[in-house]
Amino acid sequence: MTMRTECICAERTIASMARLIRMDETGHTTLAEWTAADEQAVEAAVAAFRAQLDAGFYAVVSEGEGRARQVDELPVDADLVILRRPIAGG
């Protein structure tokens, strides 16, 4: 019976929520969560994303270990989108 239970658990998939977070001096703030199947949540996430870009934040999406790509449209299929301010200096 233990073996059968392990097989059932291994086959189960749970749809995870994608997250839009902002990193700033207060820490990490979750601005939106969505799944691709939830149109209202996607629309709210796109609106939050756009508002943050308009406020001067930029967005990045991880592309694996040590790599990220800057985006200017919300990638709905991403697991995590991070917003942060540009680094000052020069």
N, C-alpha and C. Protein backbone atom coordinates (compact mmCIF):
# COMPACT_ATOMS: atom_id res chain seq x y z
N MET A 1 0.82 -1.19 0.00
CA MET A 1 0.00 0.00 0.00
C MET A 1 0.88 1.26 0.00
N THR A 2 1.98 1.24 0.68
CA THR A 2 2.87 2.40 0.69
C THR A 2 3.34 2.71 -0.71
N MET A 3 3.67 1.70 -1.47
CA MET A 3 4.14 1.91 -2.83
C MET A 3 3.05 2.57 -3.68
N ARG A 4 1.83 2.14 -3.57
CA ARG A 4 0.72 2.70 -4.33
C ARG A 4 0.51 4.17 -3.95
N THR A 5 0.57 4.51 -2.69
CA THR A 5 0.41 5.88 -2.23
C THR A 5 1.49 6.78 -2.82
N GLU A 6 2.73 6.29 -2.86
CA GLU A 6 3.82 7.07 -3.43
C GLU A 6 3.58 7.35 -4.90
N CYS A 7 3.05 6.40 -5.63
CA CYS A 7 2.78 6.59 -7.05
C CYS A 7 1.70 7.64 -7.26
N ILE A 8 0.65 7.60 -6.46
CA ILE A 8 -0.42 8.59 -6.59
C ILE A 8 0.13 9.98 -6.32
N CYS A 9 0.94 10.15 -5.30
CA CYS A 9 1.49 11.46 -4.97
C CYS A 9 2.42 11.97 -6.07
N ALA A 10 3.17 11.09 -6.66
CA ALA A 10 4.11 11.50 -7.70
C ALA A 10 3.38 11.97 -8.94
N GLU A 11 2.18 11.46 -9.21
CA GLU A 11 1.43 11.83 -10.40
C GLU A 11 0.62 13.11 -10.20
N ARG A 12 0.38 13.52 -8.99
CA ARG A 12 -0.44 14.68 -8.70
C ARG A 12 0.32 15.96 -9.05
N THR A 13 -0.36 16.88 -9.71
CA THR A 13 0.24 18.17 -9.99
C THR A 13 -0.64 19.25 -9.39
N ILE A 14 -0.03 20.26 -8.86
CA ILE A 14 -0.76 21.37 -8.26
C ILE A 14 -0.35 22.62 -9.01
N ALA A 15 -1.35 23.35 -9.50
CA ALA A 15 -1.07 24.58 -10.22
C ALA A 15 -0.55 25.61 -9.23
N SER A 16 0.66 26.09 -9.45
CA SER A 16 1.22 27.07 -8.54
C SER A 16 0.84 28.47 -9.01
N MET A 17 0.80 29.37 -8.06
CA MET A 17 0.49 30.76 -8.35
C MET A 17 1.76 31.48 -8.77
N ALA A 18 1.66 32.24 -9.84
CA ALA A 18 2.76 33.11 -10.23
C ALA A 18 2.68 34.34 -9.35
N ARG A 19 3.83 35.00 -9.14
CA ARG A 19 3.85 36.17 -8.26
C ARG A 19 4.59 37.33 -8.91
N LEU A 20 4.08 38.52 -8.64
CA LEU A 20 4.73 39.77 -9.01
C LEU A 20 5.14 40.42 -7.70
N ILE A 21 6.46 40.58 -7.50
CA ILE A 21 6.92 41.20 -6.25
C ILE A 21 7.75 42.43 -6.54
N ARG A 22 7.68 43.37 -5.59
CA ARG A 22 8.48 44.58 -5.69
C ARG A 22 9.52 44.55 -4.57
N MET A 23 10.77 44.81 -4.94
CA MET A 23 11.86 44.91 -3.97
C MET A 23 12.19 46.39 -3.82
N ASP A 24 12.12 46.88 -2.57
CA ASP A 24 12.50 48.26 -2.31
C ASP A 24 13.04 48.36 -0.89
N GLU A 25 13.19 49.58 -0.40
CA GLU A 25 13.79 49.77 0.92
C GLU A 25 12.98 49.15 2.06
N THR A 26 11.72 48.81 1.80
CA THR A 26 10.90 48.18 2.84
C THR A 26 10.97 46.66 2.79
N GLY A 27 11.62 46.13 1.77
CA GLY A 27 11.72 44.68 1.62
C GLY A 27 10.99 44.20 0.38
N HIS A 28 10.47 42.99 0.45
CA HIS A 28 9.74 42.39 -0.68
C HIS A 28 8.24 42.52 -0.42
N THR A 29 7.52 43.02 -1.41
CA THR A 29 6.07 43.17 -1.30
C THR A 29 5.43 42.43 -2.47
N THR A 30 4.52 41.51 -2.19
CA THR A 30 3.78 40.82 -3.24
C THR A 30 2.68 41.75 -3.73
N LEU A 31 2.71 42.08 -5.01
CA LEU A 31 1.73 42.99 -5.59
C LEU A 31 0.59 42.25 -6.28
N ALA A 32 0.88 41.05 -6.79
CA ALA A 32 -0.15 40.28 -7.49
C ALA A 32 0.23 38.81 -7.51
N GLU A 33 -0.79 37.98 -7.55
CA GLU A 33 -0.62 36.53 -7.75
C GLU A 33 -1.66 36.10 -8.77
N TRP A 34 -1.30 35.15 -9.63
CA TRP A 34 -2.23 34.72 -10.65
C TRP A 34 -1.88 33.33 -11.15
N THR A 35 -2.84 32.74 -11.83
CA THR A 35 -2.62 31.56 -12.67
C THR A 35 -3.11 31.96 -14.06
N ALA A 36 -2.57 31.35 -15.06
CA ALA A 36 -2.94 31.70 -16.44
C ALA A 36 -4.42 31.48 -16.70
N ALA A 37 -5.05 30.57 -15.95
CA ALA A 37 -6.46 30.27 -16.15
C ALA A 37 -7.39 31.30 -15.52
N ASP A 38 -6.88 32.16 -14.65
CA ASP A 38 -7.71 33.15 -13.95
C ASP A 38 -7.56 34.51 -14.63
N GLU A 39 -8.47 34.80 -15.56
CA GLU A 39 -8.37 36.02 -16.37
C GLU A 39 -8.39 37.29 -15.53
N GLN A 40 -9.24 37.32 -14.51
CA GLN A 40 -9.31 38.52 -13.66
C GLN A 40 -8.01 38.75 -12.92
N ALA A 41 -7.41 37.70 -12.41
CA ALA A 41 -6.14 37.82 -11.70
C ALA A 41 -5.02 38.25 -12.66
N VAL A 42 -5.04 37.74 -13.88
CA VAL A 42 -4.04 38.13 -14.88
C VAL A 42 -4.19 39.62 -15.20
N GLU A 43 -5.43 40.07 -15.41
CA GLU A 43 -5.67 41.48 -15.71
C GLU A 43 -5.19 42.38 -14.57
N ALA A 44 -5.45 41.97 -13.33
CA ALA A 44 -5.01 42.74 -12.16
C ALA A 44 -3.49 42.77 -12.09
N ALA A 45 -2.85 41.65 -12.40
CA ALA A 45 -1.38 41.58 -12.38
C ALA A 45 -0.78 42.47 -13.47
N VAL A 46 -1.37 42.46 -14.65
CA VAL A 46 -0.88 43.31 -15.75
C VAL A 46 -1.02 44.78 -15.37
N ALA A 47 -2.14 45.15 -14.75
CA ALA A 47 -2.35 46.54 -14.33
C ALA A 47 -1.33 46.95 -13.26
N ALA A 48 -1.08 46.08 -12.29
CA ALA A 48 -0.10 46.36 -11.24
C ALA A 48 1.30 46.47 -11.83
N PHE A 49 1.61 45.58 -12.75
CA PHE A 49 2.91 45.58 -13.43
C PHE A 49 3.12 46.91 -14.16
N ARG A 50 2.14 47.32 -14.94
CA ARG A 50 2.24 48.55 -15.72
C ARG A 50 2.38 49.76 -14.81
N ALA A 51 1.63 49.81 -13.71
CA ALA A 51 1.71 50.93 -12.76
C ALA A 51 3.11 51.05 -12.17
N GLN A 52 3.73 49.93 -11.88
CA GLN A 52 5.07 49.95 -11.30
C GLN A 52 6.11 50.40 -12.33
N LEU A 53 5.97 49.95 -13.58
CA LEU A 53 6.89 50.42 -14.62
C LEU A 53 6.74 51.92 -14.81
N ASP A 54 5.50 52.40 -14.80
CA ASP A 54 5.24 53.84 -14.95
C ASP A 54 5.81 54.64 -13.78
N ALA A 55 5.95 54.00 -12.61
CA ALA A 55 6.49 54.66 -11.42
C ALA A 55 8.02 54.61 -11.39
N GLY A 56 8.65 54.01 -12.41
CA GLY A 56 10.10 54.00 -12.48
C GLY A 56 10.78 52.70 -12.12
N PHE A 57 10.01 51.67 -11.79
CA PHE A 57 10.61 50.37 -11.52
C PHE A 57 10.90 49.66 -12.83
N TYR A 58 11.80 48.69 -12.79
CA TYR A 58 11.98 47.82 -13.94
C TYR A 58 11.77 46.39 -13.48
N ALA A 59 11.50 45.50 -14.41
CA ALA A 59 11.12 44.12 -14.08
C ALA A 59 12.10 43.14 -14.68
N VAL A 60 12.38 42.08 -13.93
CA VAL A 60 13.23 41.00 -14.41
C VAL A 60 12.58 39.65 -14.12
N VAL A 61 12.94 38.70 -14.97
CA VAL A 61 12.48 37.32 -14.84
C VAL A 61 13.71 36.43 -14.88
N SER A 62 13.78 35.46 -13.98
CA SER A 62 14.90 34.55 -13.92
C SER A 62 14.91 33.66 -15.16
N GLU A 63 16.12 33.43 -15.68
CA GLU A 63 16.30 32.50 -16.79
C GLU A 63 17.26 31.39 -16.39
N GLY A 64 17.23 31.03 -15.13
CA GLY A 64 18.09 29.97 -14.64
C GLY A 64 19.16 30.51 -13.71
N GLU A 65 19.99 29.63 -13.26
CA GLU A 65 21.04 29.96 -12.30
C GLU A 65 21.89 31.14 -12.73
N GLY A 66 21.78 32.26 -12.00
CA GLY A 66 22.61 33.42 -12.24
C GLY A 66 22.28 34.24 -13.48
N ARG A 67 21.11 33.99 -14.09
CA ARG A 67 20.74 34.71 -15.30
C ARG A 67 19.33 35.27 -15.16
N ALA A 68 19.14 36.50 -15.62
CA ALA A 68 17.82 37.13 -15.61
C ALA A 68 17.66 37.97 -16.86
N ARG A 69 16.42 38.19 -17.22
CA ARG A 69 16.11 38.98 -18.41
C ARG A 69 15.16 40.10 -18.02
N GLN A 70 15.46 41.33 -18.45
CA GLN A 70 14.57 42.45 -18.18
C GLN A 70 13.39 42.37 -19.14
N VAL A 71 12.18 42.64 -18.63
CA VAL A 71 10.96 42.56 -19.44
C VAL A 71 10.18 43.87 -19.32
N ASP A 72 9.45 44.21 -20.37
CA ASP A 72 8.61 45.40 -20.32
C ASP A 72 7.13 45.06 -20.51
N GLU A 73 6.84 43.77 -20.60
CA GLU A 73 5.47 43.26 -20.59
C GLU A 73 5.44 42.10 -19.62
N LEU A 74 4.34 41.95 -18.88
CA LEU A 74 4.24 40.88 -17.90
C LEU A 74 4.22 39.52 -18.59
N PRO A 75 5.22 38.68 -18.33
CA PRO A 75 5.20 37.32 -18.89
C PRO A 75 4.27 36.45 -18.03
N VAL A 76 3.07 36.25 -18.49
CA VAL A 76 2.04 35.57 -17.71
C VAL A 76 2.46 34.15 -17.34
N ASP A 77 3.33 33.53 -18.12
CA ASP A 77 3.75 32.16 -17.85
C ASP A 77 4.93 32.06 -16.88
N ALA A 78 5.47 33.19 -16.45
CA ALA A 78 6.60 33.18 -15.51
C ALA A 78 6.12 32.82 -14.10
N ASP A 79 6.97 32.16 -13.33
CA ASP A 79 6.64 31.84 -11.94
C ASP A 79 6.80 33.05 -11.04
N LEU A 80 7.81 33.87 -11.32
CA LEU A 80 8.12 35.01 -10.47
C LEU A 80 8.64 36.16 -11.33
N VAL A 81 8.06 37.34 -11.12
CA VAL A 81 8.51 38.55 -11.78
C VAL A 81 8.90 39.52 -10.66
N ILE A 82 10.12 40.05 -10.74
CA ILE A 82 10.64 40.92 -9.69
C ILE A 82 10.77 42.34 -10.22
N LEU A 83 10.21 43.28 -9.48
CA LEU A 83 10.32 44.69 -9.79
C LEU A 83 11.30 45.34 -8.84
N ARG A 84 12.14 46.22 -9.37
CA ARG A 84 13.07 46.97 -8.51
C ARG A 84 13.45 48.26 -9.20
N ARG A 85 13.99 49.17 -8.42
CA ARG A 85 14.45 50.45 -8.95
C ARG A 85 15.80 50.25 -9.65
N PRO A 86 16.08 51.07 -10.65
CA PRO A 86 17.41 51.02 -11.26
C PRO A 86 18.48 51.37 -10.22
N ILE A 87 19.65 50.83 -10.39
CA ILE A 87 20.76 51.12 -9.49
C ILE A 87 21.31 52.50 -9.86
N ALA A 88 21.44 53.36 -8.87
CA ALA A 88 21.96 54.71 -9.11
C ALA A 88 23.48 54.68 -9.22
N GLY A 89 24.01 55.65 -9.86
CA GLY A 89 25.46 55.75 -9.99
C GLY A 89 25.89 55.89 -11.42
N GLY A 90 27.16 55.81 -11.63
CA GLY A 90 27.57 55.90 -13.02
C GLY A 90 29.01 56.16 -13.20
